[in-house]
Amino acid sequence: MPRLIFKSSNGDKREISVEPGTTVMRAAITHNVDGIVAECGGAAACGTCHVYVDECTLAKLPAPESNEEAMLDYTAEPRAPNSRLSCQLKVTEELDGAVFVIPEKQR
């Protein structure tokens, strides 16, 4: 199973093993990772599952679709070139070791 690494804004790190096909958001919620709120449950309608993706991982992800692009403009923390909504990212074997930085605030 691929391992995902979540880093909080204060530097805490949490590594979890995730079944392929699961969204990064669902994996974080299931494993009680602090900082992923996911108010809309994964519909890309709230921006409370915003993450910053490390550069190595970013290259392995598909480009965001238009609904994700639009919602990233409304996240609580500033949008960056490596911003993504974790609800729109499906875990694959290729993402083993992927790093996601959780913003300080989601609302």
C-alpha atoms as a PDB file:
ATOM      1  CA  MET A   1       0.000   0.000   0.000  1.00  0.00           C
ATOM      2  CA  PRO A   2       1.251   3.496  -0.788  1.00  0.00           C
ATOM      3  CA  ARG A   3       2.412   5.638   2.122  1.00  0.00           C
ATOM      4  CA  LEU A   4       1.318   9.274   2.312  1.00  0.00           C
ATOM      5  CA  ILE A   5       3.050  11.845   4.480  1.00  0.00           C
ATOM      6  CA  PHE A   6       1.120  14.775   5.939  1.00  0.00           C
ATOM      7  CA  LYS A   7       3.006  17.713   7.422  1.00  0.00           C
ATOM      8  CA  SER A   8       1.271  20.293   9.584  1.00  0.00           C
ATOM      9  CA  SER A   9       2.081  23.986   9.481  1.00  0.00           C
ATOM     10  CA  ASN A  10       3.926  23.594  12.802  1.00  0.00           C
ATOM     11  CA  GLY A  11       6.193  20.874  11.397  1.00  0.00           C
ATOM     12  CA  ASP A  12       4.509  17.755  12.828  1.00  0.00           C
ATOM     13  CA  LYS A  13       4.637  14.828  10.423  1.00  0.00           C
ATOM     14  CA  ARG A  14       2.212  11.915  10.084  1.00  0.00           C
ATOM     15  CA  GLU A  15       2.698   8.947   7.760  1.00  0.00           C
ATOM     16  CA  ILE A  16      -0.192   6.662   6.829  1.00  0.00           C
ATOM     17  CA  SER A  17      -0.682   3.678   4.509  1.00  0.00           C
ATOM     18  CA  VAL A  18      -3.559   4.055   2.082  1.00  0.00           C
ATOM     19  CA  GLU A  19      -5.454   1.740  -0.229  1.00  0.00           C
ATOM     20  CA  PRO A  20      -5.067   2.806  -3.904  1.00  0.00           C
ATOM     21  CA  GLY A  21      -8.182   4.482  -5.298  1.00  0.00           C
ATOM     22  CA  THR A  22      -8.930   6.317  -2.047  1.00  0.00           C
ATOM     23  CA  THR A  23      -8.842  10.098  -2.202  1.00  0.00           C
ATOM     24  CA  VAL A  24      -6.133  11.851  -0.224  1.00  0.00           C
ATOM     25  CA  MET A  25      -8.894  13.667   1.693  1.00  0.00           C
ATOM     26  CA  ARG A  26     -10.717  10.443   2.647  1.00  0.00           C
ATOM     27  CA  ALA A  27      -7.413   8.885   3.740  1.00  0.00           C
ATOM     28  CA  ALA A  28      -6.690  11.884   5.979  1.00  0.00           C
ATOM     29  CA  ILE A  29     -10.183  11.827   7.510  1.00  0.00           C
ATOM     30  CA  THR A  30     -10.120   8.044   8.051  1.00  0.00           C
ATOM     31  CA  HIS A  31      -6.740   8.272   9.793  1.00  0.00           C
ATOM     32  CA  ASN A  32      -7.688  11.345  11.883  1.00  0.00           C
ATOM     33  CA  VAL A  33      -5.079  13.612  10.322  1.00  0.00           C
ATOM     34  CA  ASP A  34      -5.487  17.043  11.926  1.00  0.00           C
ATOM     35  CA  GLY A  35      -6.173  20.000   9.656  1.00  0.00           C
ATOM     36  CA  ILE A  36      -8.270  18.434   6.898  1.00  0.00           C
ATOM     37  CA  VAL A  37     -11.816  19.650   7.571  1.00  0.00           C
ATOM     38  CA  ALA A  38     -13.611  18.482   4.388  1.00  0.00           C
ATOM     39  CA  GLU A  39     -16.915  20.233   5.109  1.00  0.00           C
ATOM     40  CA  CYS A  40     -18.454  19.289   1.752  1.00  0.00           C
ATOM     41  CA  GLY A  41     -17.422  15.643   1.995  1.00  0.00           C
ATOM     42  CA  GLY A  42     -15.344  15.648  -1.161  1.00  0.00           C
ATOM     43  CA  ALA A  43     -17.450  17.530  -3.696  1.00  0.00           C
ATOM     44  CA  ALA A  44     -14.827  20.240  -4.372  1.00  0.00           C
ATOM     45  CA  ALA A  45     -17.338  22.778  -3.083  1.00  0.00           C
ATOM     46  CA  CYS A  46     -15.758  24.170   0.089  1.00  0.00           C
ATOM     47  CA  GLY A  47     -11.947  24.296  -0.153  1.00  0.00           C
ATOM     48  CA  THR A  48     -11.482  22.977   3.417  1.00  0.00           C
ATOM     49  CA  CYS A  49      -9.304  20.073   2.270  1.00  0.00           C
ATOM     50  CA  HIS A  50      -6.696  22.381   0.725  1.00  0.00           C
ATOM     51  CA  VAL A  51      -3.128  21.055   0.772  1.00  0.00           C
ATOM     52  CA  TYR A  52       0.223  22.198  -0.563  1.00  0.00           C
ATOM     53  CA  VAL A  53       1.839  19.382  -2.533  1.00  0.00           C
ATOM     54  CA  ASP A  54       5.621  18.976  -2.525  1.00  0.00           C
ATOM     55  CA  GLU A  55       7.276  19.458  -5.919  1.00  0.00           C
ATOM     56  CA  CYS A  56       8.220  15.782  -6.459  1.00  0.00           C
ATOM     57  CA  THR A  57       4.650  14.692  -5.802  1.00  0.00           C
ATOM     58  CA  LEU A  58       3.115  17.476  -7.879  1.00  0.00           C
ATOM     59  CA  ALA A  59       4.756  16.113 -11.032  1.00  0.00           C
ATOM     60  CA  LYS A  60       2.964  12.763 -10.484  1.00  0.00           C
ATOM     61  CA  LEU A  61      -0.538  14.261 -10.298  1.00  0.00           C
ATOM     62  CA  PRO A  62      -2.950  15.003 -13.128  1.00  0.00           C
ATOM     63  CA  ALA A  63      -3.739  18.663 -13.746  1.00  0.00           C
ATOM     64  CA  PRO A  64      -6.670  20.027 -11.728  1.00  0.00           C
ATOM     65  CA  GLU A  65     -10.067  20.131 -13.425  1.00  0.00           C
ATOM     66  CA  SER A  66     -11.944  23.426 -13.790  1.00  0.00           C
ATOM     67  CA  ASN A  67     -14.094  23.004 -10.640  1.00  0.00           C
ATOM     68  CA  GLU A  68     -10.982  22.438  -8.509  1.00  0.00           C
ATOM     69  CA  GLU A  69      -9.206  25.373 -10.164  1.00  0.00           C
ATOM     70  CA  ALA A  70     -12.138  27.641  -9.324  1.00  0.00           C
ATOM     71  CA  MET A  71     -12.431  26.492  -5.692  1.00  0.00           C
ATOM     72  CA  LEU A  72      -8.706  26.971  -5.045  1.00  0.00           C
ATOM     73  CA  ASP A  73      -9.304  30.720  -5.369  1.00  0.00           C
ATOM     74  CA  TYR A  74     -11.479  30.590  -2.221  1.00  0.00           C
ATOM     75  CA  THR A  75      -9.293  28.687   0.239  1.00  0.00           C
ATOM     76  CA  ALA A  76      -8.612  30.193   3.678  1.00  0.00           C
ATOM     77  CA  GLU A  77      -4.850  30.156   3.166  1.00  0.00           C
ATOM     78  CA  PRO A  78      -3.364  31.703   0.030  1.00  0.00           C
ATOM     79  CA  ARG A  79      -3.361  29.683  -3.146  1.00  0.00           C
ATOM     80  CA  ALA A  80       0.103  28.711  -4.345  1.00  0.00           C
ATOM     81  CA  PRO A  81       1.303  27.020  -7.547  1.00  0.00           C
ATOM     82  CA  ASN A  82       1.355  23.717  -5.641  1.00  0.00           C
ATOM     83  CA  SER A  83      -2.117  24.097  -4.058  1.00  0.00           C
ATOM     84  CA  ARG A  84      -4.577  21.262  -4.576  1.00  0.00           C
ATOM     85  CA  LEU A  85      -7.838  20.054  -3.058  1.00  0.00           C
ATOM     86  CA  SER A  86      -7.106  16.700  -1.449  1.00  0.00           C
ATOM     87  CA  CYS A  87     -10.632  15.499  -2.277  1.00  0.00           C
ATOM     88  CA  GLN A  88      -9.710  15.566  -5.956  1.00  0.00           C
ATOM     89  CA  LEU A  89      -6.517  13.504  -5.630  1.00  0.00           C
ATOM     90  CA  LYS A  90      -6.768   9.727  -5.934  1.00  0.00           C
ATOM     91  CA  VAL A  91      -4.057   7.631  -4.357  1.00  0.00           C
ATOM     92  CA  THR A  92      -2.061   5.468  -6.759  1.00  0.00           C
ATOM     93  CA  GLU A  93       0.980   3.243  -6.229  1.00  0.00           C
ATOM     94  CA  GLU A  94       3.037   5.984  -7.888  1.00  0.00           C
ATOM     95  CA  LEU A  95       2.209   8.322  -4.976  1.00  0.00           C
ATOM     96  CA  ASP A  96       4.085   6.162  -2.449  1.00  0.00           C
ATOM     97  CA  GLY A  97       5.976   8.610  -0.238  1.00  0.00           C
ATOM     98  CA  ALA A  98       3.957  11.627  -1.415  1.00  0.00           C
ATOM     99  CA  VAL A  99       4.116  14.656   0.867  1.00  0.00           C
ATOM    100  CA  PHE A 100       1.154  16.951   1.555  1.00  0.00           C
ATOM    101  CA  VAL A 101       1.536  20.069   3.687  1.00  0.00           C
ATOM    102  CA  ILE A 102      -1.618  21.095   5.519  1.00  0.00           C
ATOM    103  CA  PRO A 103      -2.226  24.851   5.709  1.00  0.00           C
ATOM    104  CA  GLU A 104      -2.445  26.540   9.104  1.00  0.00           C
ATOM    105  CA  LYS A 105      -6.185  27.145   8.688  1.00  0.00           C
ATOM    106  CA  GLN A 106      -8.952  25.798   6.457  1.00  0.00           C
ATOM    107  CA  ARG A 107     -11.828  28.168   7.245  1.00  0.00           C
END
